Amino acid sequence: MLAFSVFPSANLVGDPAGETRVISIAAYHAAFEQFDYSMGAAISMIMGAVMLLIIGLVLGWRSTFFRGAAGAKG
C-alpha cells in the first residue's frame, strides 16, 4: 500500500497541450484550490475503489500460481 502513496496512479488527467498531472493532484486541486470539496471527495473515492479492485485482482491472480500438486497452497 505504501507504493500507492509514492506513485498514486498511472492515469493522467489534463489537456494534451496543457498541464498534465496525476489523479491525486487533480483531487487536491478540486478540493483545496477550487473549493469544490464534493468533486475532490468523489475523485478520491473512485481512485480508492479502482485501487482496491486492482489489488483484489492481483491477489486472486497470484493465488493461482501457488497451488501445490494436491490443490492446497504450499
N, C-alpha and C. Protein backbone atom coordinates (compact mmCIF):
# COMPACT_ATOMS: atom_id res chain seq x y z
N MET A 1 0.82 -1.19 0.00
CA MET A 1 0.00 0.00 0.00
C MET A 1 0.86 1.26 0.00
N LEU A 2 2.05 1.18 0.52
CA LEU A 2 2.91 2.36 0.51
C LEU A 2 3.31 2.75 -0.90
N ALA A 3 3.32 1.78 -1.81
CA ALA A 3 3.68 2.10 -3.20
C ALA A 3 2.64 3.04 -3.81
N PHE A 4 1.38 2.94 -3.38
CA PHE A 4 0.36 3.82 -3.94
C PHE A 4 0.53 5.26 -3.46
N SER A 5 1.12 5.47 -2.31
CA SER A 5 1.33 6.84 -1.86
C SER A 5 2.51 7.48 -2.59
N VAL A 6 3.45 6.66 -3.05
CA VAL A 6 4.58 7.19 -3.80
C VAL A 6 4.19 7.43 -5.25
N PHE A 7 3.53 6.43 -5.84
CA PHE A 7 3.05 6.55 -7.21
C PHE A 7 1.53 6.44 -7.16
N PRO A 8 0.82 7.55 -6.97
CA PRO A 8 -0.60 7.49 -6.65
C PRO A 8 -1.46 6.81 -7.72
N SER A 9 -1.20 7.07 -8.96
CA SER A 9 -1.99 6.46 -10.02
C SER A 9 -1.29 6.69 -11.34
N ALA A 10 -1.42 5.72 -12.22
CA ALA A 10 -0.79 5.86 -13.53
C ALA A 10 -1.65 6.65 -14.48
N ASN A 11 -2.90 6.87 -14.13
CA ASN A 11 -3.79 7.63 -15.01
C ASN A 11 -3.48 9.11 -14.92
N LEU A 12 -3.43 9.75 -16.05
CA LEU A 12 -3.12 11.17 -16.08
C LEU A 12 -4.33 11.94 -16.57
N VAL A 13 -4.52 13.13 -16.05
CA VAL A 13 -5.60 14.00 -16.50
C VAL A 13 -5.01 15.31 -16.96
N GLY A 14 -5.67 15.95 -17.89
CA GLY A 14 -5.21 17.24 -18.38
C GLY A 14 -5.36 17.34 -19.88
N ASP A 15 -5.13 18.52 -20.39
CA ASP A 15 -5.21 18.74 -21.83
C ASP A 15 -3.97 18.19 -22.51
N PRO A 16 -4.09 17.77 -23.77
CA PRO A 16 -2.91 17.26 -24.48
C PRO A 16 -1.81 18.31 -24.62
N ALA A 17 -2.18 19.56 -24.82
CA ALA A 17 -1.18 20.60 -24.98
C ALA A 17 -0.95 21.37 -23.69
N GLY A 18 -1.69 21.05 -22.64
CA GLY A 18 -1.59 21.80 -21.40
C GLY A 18 -0.88 21.03 -20.31
N GLU A 19 -1.19 21.39 -19.09
CA GLU A 19 -0.57 20.76 -17.92
C GLU A 19 -1.13 19.36 -17.72
N THR A 20 -0.27 18.42 -17.40
CA THR A 20 -0.69 17.05 -17.13
C THR A 20 -0.29 16.70 -15.70
N ARG A 21 -1.21 16.08 -14.95
CA ARG A 21 -0.94 15.74 -13.56
C ARG A 21 -1.64 14.43 -13.22
N VAL A 22 -1.23 13.81 -12.15
CA VAL A 22 -1.85 12.55 -11.73
C VAL A 22 -3.19 12.84 -11.07
N ILE A 23 -4.00 11.79 -10.93
CA ILE A 23 -5.37 11.97 -10.43
C ILE A 23 -5.40 12.48 -8.99
N SER A 24 -4.45 12.07 -8.16
CA SER A 24 -4.46 12.55 -6.78
C SER A 24 -4.23 14.06 -6.71
N ILE A 25 -3.42 14.59 -7.59
CA ILE A 25 -3.22 16.04 -7.64
C ILE A 25 -4.48 16.73 -8.14
N ALA A 26 -5.21 16.09 -9.07
CA ALA A 26 -6.48 16.66 -9.54
C ALA A 26 -7.50 16.71 -8.41
N ALA A 27 -7.53 15.69 -7.55
CA ALA A 27 -8.44 15.70 -6.40
C ALA A 27 -8.06 16.82 -5.43
N TYR A 28 -6.79 16.98 -5.18
CA TYR A 28 -6.33 18.07 -4.30
C TYR A 28 -6.70 19.43 -4.88
N HIS A 29 -6.48 19.58 -6.19
CA HIS A 29 -6.77 20.86 -6.86
C HIS A 29 -8.27 21.17 -6.77
N ALA A 30 -9.10 20.17 -7.01
CA ALA A 30 -10.55 20.40 -6.95
C ALA A 30 -11.00 20.75 -5.54
N ALA A 31 -10.47 20.06 -4.54
CA ALA A 31 -10.94 20.26 -3.18
C ALA A 31 -10.39 21.53 -2.54
N PHE A 32 -9.10 21.77 -2.68
CA PHE A 32 -8.48 22.83 -1.88
C PHE A 32 -8.10 24.08 -2.65
N GLU A 33 -8.07 24.02 -3.97
CA GLU A 33 -7.78 25.23 -4.74
C GLU A 33 -9.04 25.81 -5.36
N GLN A 34 -9.96 24.92 -5.78
CA GLN A 34 -11.23 25.39 -6.35
C GLN A 34 -12.35 25.37 -5.32
N PHE A 35 -12.07 24.86 -4.12
CA PHE A 35 -13.04 24.77 -3.02
C PHE A 35 -14.27 23.95 -3.41
N ASP A 36 -14.09 22.94 -4.25
CA ASP A 36 -15.16 22.02 -4.64
C ASP A 36 -14.89 20.71 -3.92
N TYR A 37 -15.28 20.67 -2.64
CA TYR A 37 -14.97 19.53 -1.80
C TYR A 37 -15.65 18.25 -2.26
N SER A 38 -16.87 18.37 -2.79
CA SER A 38 -17.57 17.18 -3.24
C SER A 38 -16.88 16.55 -4.45
N MET A 39 -16.35 17.34 -5.36
CA MET A 39 -15.63 16.80 -6.51
C MET A 39 -14.32 16.16 -6.07
N GLY A 40 -13.61 16.78 -5.14
CA GLY A 40 -12.39 16.19 -4.62
C GLY A 40 -12.65 14.87 -3.91
N ALA A 41 -13.73 14.80 -3.14
CA ALA A 41 -14.08 13.56 -2.46
C ALA A 41 -14.50 12.49 -3.45
N ALA A 42 -15.23 12.87 -4.49
CA ALA A 42 -15.65 11.90 -5.50
C ALA A 42 -14.45 11.32 -6.25
N ILE A 43 -13.51 12.17 -6.62
CA ILE A 43 -12.31 11.70 -7.30
C ILE A 43 -11.53 10.74 -6.40
N SER A 44 -11.41 11.10 -5.14
CA SER A 44 -10.66 10.26 -4.19
C SER A 44 -11.33 8.91 -3.97
N MET A 45 -12.66 8.90 -3.86
CA MET A 45 -13.38 7.64 -3.65
C MET A 45 -13.29 6.73 -4.86
N ILE A 46 -13.39 7.29 -6.05
CA ILE A 46 -13.27 6.48 -7.27
C ILE A 46 -11.85 5.94 -7.39
N MET A 47 -10.86 6.77 -7.09
CA MET A 47 -9.47 6.32 -7.15
C MET A 47 -9.22 5.20 -6.13
N GLY A 48 -9.78 5.31 -4.95
CA GLY A 48 -9.63 4.26 -3.95
C GLY A 48 -10.32 2.97 -4.36
N ALA A 49 -11.51 3.07 -4.97
CA ALA A 49 -12.22 1.87 -5.43
C ALA A 49 -11.45 1.16 -6.54
N VAL A 50 -10.87 1.93 -7.44
CA VAL A 50 -10.08 1.33 -8.52
C VAL A 50 -8.85 0.64 -7.95
N MET A 51 -8.20 1.25 -6.98
CA MET A 51 -7.03 0.62 -6.36
C MET A 51 -7.40 -0.68 -5.65
N LEU A 52 -8.53 -0.69 -4.93
CA LEU A 52 -8.97 -1.91 -4.25
C LEU A 52 -9.31 -3.01 -5.26
N LEU A 53 -9.92 -2.65 -6.38
CA LEU A 53 -10.23 -3.62 -7.42
C LEU A 53 -8.96 -4.23 -8.01
N ILE A 54 -7.98 -3.39 -8.27
CA ILE A 54 -6.72 -3.88 -8.83
C ILE A 54 -6.00 -4.77 -7.82
N ILE A 55 -5.99 -4.39 -6.55
CA ILE A 55 -5.35 -5.21 -5.52
C ILE A 55 -6.04 -6.57 -5.42
N GLY A 56 -7.37 -6.58 -5.45
CA GLY A 56 -8.11 -7.83 -5.40
C GLY A 56 -7.81 -8.73 -6.59
N LEU A 57 -7.73 -8.14 -7.78
CA LEU A 57 -7.41 -8.92 -8.98
C LEU A 57 -6.00 -9.50 -8.91
N VAL A 58 -5.06 -8.71 -8.45
CA VAL A 58 -3.68 -9.19 -8.36
C VAL A 58 -3.56 -10.31 -7.32
N LEU A 59 -4.21 -10.16 -6.18
CA LEU A 59 -4.15 -11.21 -5.15
C LEU A 59 -4.84 -12.48 -5.63
N GLY A 60 -5.95 -12.35 -6.33
CA GLY A 60 -6.61 -13.53 -6.87
C GLY A 60 -5.79 -14.21 -7.95
N TRP A 61 -5.18 -13.42 -8.80
CA TRP A 61 -4.33 -13.96 -9.88
C TRP A 61 -3.08 -14.61 -9.31
N ARG A 62 -2.53 -14.02 -8.26
CA ARG A 62 -1.32 -14.54 -7.64
C ARG A 62 -1.56 -15.89 -6.98
N SER A 63 -2.75 -16.08 -6.42
CA SER A 63 -3.03 -17.34 -5.72
C SER A 63 -3.10 -18.52 -6.68
N THR A 64 -3.31 -18.29 -7.96
CA THR A 64 -3.35 -19.40 -8.92
C THR A 64 -1.96 -19.99 -9.15
N PHE A 65 -0.92 -19.24 -8.89
CA PHE A 65 0.45 -19.71 -9.12
C PHE A 65 1.02 -20.48 -7.94
N PHE A 66 0.39 -20.41 -6.78
CA PHE A 66 0.94 -21.02 -5.58
C PHE A 66 0.13 -22.21 -5.10
N ARG A 67 -0.42 -22.97 -6.00
CA ARG A 67 -1.15 -24.18 -5.65
C ARG A 67 -0.22 -25.38 -5.80
N GLY A 68 -0.26 -26.27 -4.84
CA GLY A 68 0.56 -27.47 -4.88
C GLY A 68 -0.10 -28.56 -5.71
N ALA A 69 0.52 -29.76 -5.72
CA ALA A 69 0.02 -30.88 -6.51
C ALA A 69 -1.32 -31.38 -5.97
N ALA A 70 -1.53 -31.29 -4.65
CA ALA A 70 -2.76 -31.78 -4.04
C ALA A 70 -3.87 -30.71 -4.06
N GLY A 71 -3.59 -29.55 -4.62
CA GLY A 71 -4.57 -28.49 -4.68
C GLY A 71 -4.50 -27.52 -3.53
N ALA A 72 -3.66 -27.80 -2.55
CA ALA A 72 -3.51 -26.92 -1.41
C ALA A 72 -2.34 -25.97 -1.64
N LYS A 73 -2.40 -24.84 -1.00
CA LYS A 73 -1.29 -23.90 -1.12
C LYS A 73 -0.08 -24.52 -0.42
N GLY A 74 1.07 -24.30 -1.04
CA GLY A 74 2.11 -24.90 -0.34
C GLY A 74 3.48 -24.65 -0.61
